[in-house]
Amino acid sequence: MTPDKEIDARGLLCPLPVLKARKALLALAPGAVLSLLADDALAIIDIPHFCSQTGHELLGMTEGKGFRTYLIRRAS
């Protein structure tokens, strides 16, 4: 899957990865996919919680070398 936008939030601590994801998702069309790169240890909790609270769909998470990539589909 090719994301519509990618945000690199590596090096940022909670709550900045979620805030950057929120801002990016608001700028995307409904159904668009955001790729978020984050190395904050709390993002593994914060991103799924953010998605469940806002109606966005967490499509998946993959482990990279020292970071995780989250794929999020914007709610309609």
Protein backbone atom coordinates (compact mmCIF):
# COMPACT_ATOMS: atom_id res chain seq x y z
CA MET A 1 0.00 0.00 0.00
CA THR A 2 1.32 3.42 -0.92
CA PRO A 3 0.41 6.08 1.65
CA ASP A 4 -0.94 9.44 0.53
CA LYS A 5 1.34 11.23 2.99
CA GLU A 6 4.25 10.33 5.25
CA ILE A 7 5.18 12.05 8.51
CA ASP A 8 8.56 11.45 10.12
CA ALA A 9 8.09 11.93 13.87
CA ARG A 10 11.28 10.13 14.86
CA GLY A 11 13.03 11.90 17.70
CA LEU A 12 9.80 13.43 18.99
CA LEU A 13 8.35 12.49 22.34
CA CYS A 14 4.75 12.09 23.51
CA PRO A 15 2.43 13.78 22.65
CA LEU A 16 4.11 15.20 19.52
CA PRO A 17 3.79 12.10 17.25
CA VAL A 18 0.02 12.01 17.87
CA LEU A 19 -0.32 15.76 17.39
CA LYS A 20 1.58 15.60 14.09
CA ALA A 21 -0.58 12.68 12.95
CA ARG A 22 -3.75 14.55 13.89
CA LYS A 23 -2.71 17.65 11.96
CA ALA A 24 -1.70 15.62 8.89
CA LEU A 25 -4.92 13.58 8.91
CA LEU A 26 -7.06 16.72 9.08
CA ALA A 27 -5.40 17.93 5.87
CA LEU A 28 -6.09 14.64 4.04
CA ALA A 29 -9.27 13.60 2.26
CA PRO A 30 -11.47 10.97 3.93
CA GLY A 31 -10.12 7.49 3.18
CA ALA A 32 -6.58 8.72 2.55
CA VAL A 33 -3.73 6.86 4.23
CA LEU A 34 -1.05 8.40 6.43
CA SER A 35 2.27 6.72 7.18
CA LEU A 36 3.70 7.84 10.53
CA LEU A 37 7.27 6.99 11.53
CA ALA A 38 7.84 7.21 15.28
CA ASP A 39 10.46 6.01 17.72
CA ASP A 40 8.78 7.18 20.93
CA ALA A 41 8.14 4.13 23.13
CA LEU A 42 4.69 5.44 24.11
CA ALA A 43 3.52 5.73 20.49
CA ILE A 44 2.68 2.00 20.51
CA ILE A 45 -0.03 2.87 23.05
CA ASP A 46 -0.86 6.42 21.97
CA ILE A 47 -1.42 5.86 18.23
CA PRO A 48 -3.98 3.00 18.57
CA HIS A 49 -5.75 4.94 21.34
CA PHE A 50 -5.83 8.09 19.19
CA CYS A 51 -7.30 6.12 16.27
CA SER A 52 -10.00 4.49 18.39
CA GLN A 53 -10.98 7.83 19.93
CA THR A 54 -11.15 9.72 16.62
CA GLY A 55 -12.59 7.06 14.33
CA HIS A 56 -9.49 6.74 12.16
CA GLU A 57 -8.52 3.21 11.18
CA LEU A 58 -5.14 1.85 12.22
CA LEU A 59 -4.31 -0.36 9.25
CA GLY A 60 -1.16 -1.77 10.74
CA MET A 61 2.19 -1.24 12.35
CA THR A 62 5.59 -2.49 11.25
CA GLU A 63 8.89 -2.54 13.09
CA GLY A 64 11.81 -0.73 11.52
CA LYS A 65 15.36 -0.37 12.77
CA GLY A 66 14.77 1.64 15.96
CA PHE A 67 11.33 2.93 14.98
CA ARG A 68 7.82 1.83 14.02
CA THR A 69 5.73 2.76 11.00
CA TYR A 70 2.00 3.18 11.57
CA LEU A 71 -0.46 3.20 8.67
CA ILE A 72 -3.61 5.16 9.46
CA ARG A 73 -6.67 5.60 7.22
CA ARG A 74 -8.49 8.91 7.72
CA ALA A 75 -12.08 8.60 8.88
CA SER A 76 -14.83 9.75 6.56
